[in-house]
Amino acid sequence: MNTPISPIKLAIVDDDKIISSLLKDYFTSNSAIDTILIANSGHQFLEHMATTSDMPDVILLDLQMKNGTGLDVLDAISKEQKPFKIIVISTYYDVNYIGQMLKLGCDAFLPKEVDPSELIDIIYTVSQKGSYFTEEQIHHIRKQISPKSPKLHIQTKNALSERELEVLGLLSQQLTTKEIAERMFLSPKTVEMHKSNLLLKTGTRNSIGLIIYAIQHQLINPDSLLLLGN
């Protein structure tokens, strides 16, 4: 893992105070991560976000909580279109839920027993590349996300520029903004502009949403998802 120039701002949202505290202590030893918030419920997190300008880059979100679940947080963030990266962790993890979790807006879905050292690498990957999948998850995503009709494909394709389609294809390979910029001989700022236009035109909230949309509307080959695990 290459250490980012500035620390990744992390929020931990979990009603298990012991786990939250242990994770924060563990992350403190890593200069790449700055835990700026611990919230013990979804409601507490959303209330805090409504009153602060110091926003996290990545949210580590427990799915099952007593006072405001992870689903409540995902729904609220989706409606407000906040640019957070969301890693959902759950005691009730099941790989069969991966497609649904991505549609709800999470950028990674993990079992709660994930090793903390591995979790640091995953946080970094999500921060830099926008998402993280295991090979098993990719296999299930390809099965669960089915294309829609060719008519929708034609309508959507005509609405997107050639450059936007190229950016979309490279996003499906999980390239970073910098890597896409280098591949297309563009500035990172221009790539971000194309990505913003894609989000606006497709009504999606993140790179994962774009990839799901592109597969459903036959804008990219589902086999390209195999590259996401590399």
Foldseek 3Di string as FASTA:
>chain_A
DDQDPQAFEEEEEALPVVVVVVLQVVCVVPRNHDDPYYHNELVRVVVVVVPDPDDGQEYEAEQDHDHHGPLNNLQVCLVVLDNHAYEYEYCPDDLLCLQVVVVSPHQHYYYPPDDSVVVVVQVVLCSFQVHADALSSLVNNLVPQAAADQVLLVVLVVVADPVLLLLLLVSLLSDGLVRSCVVVVHDSVVSVVSVVVLCVSQVHRGSSRSNSSCRRSVSDDSVSNSSRND
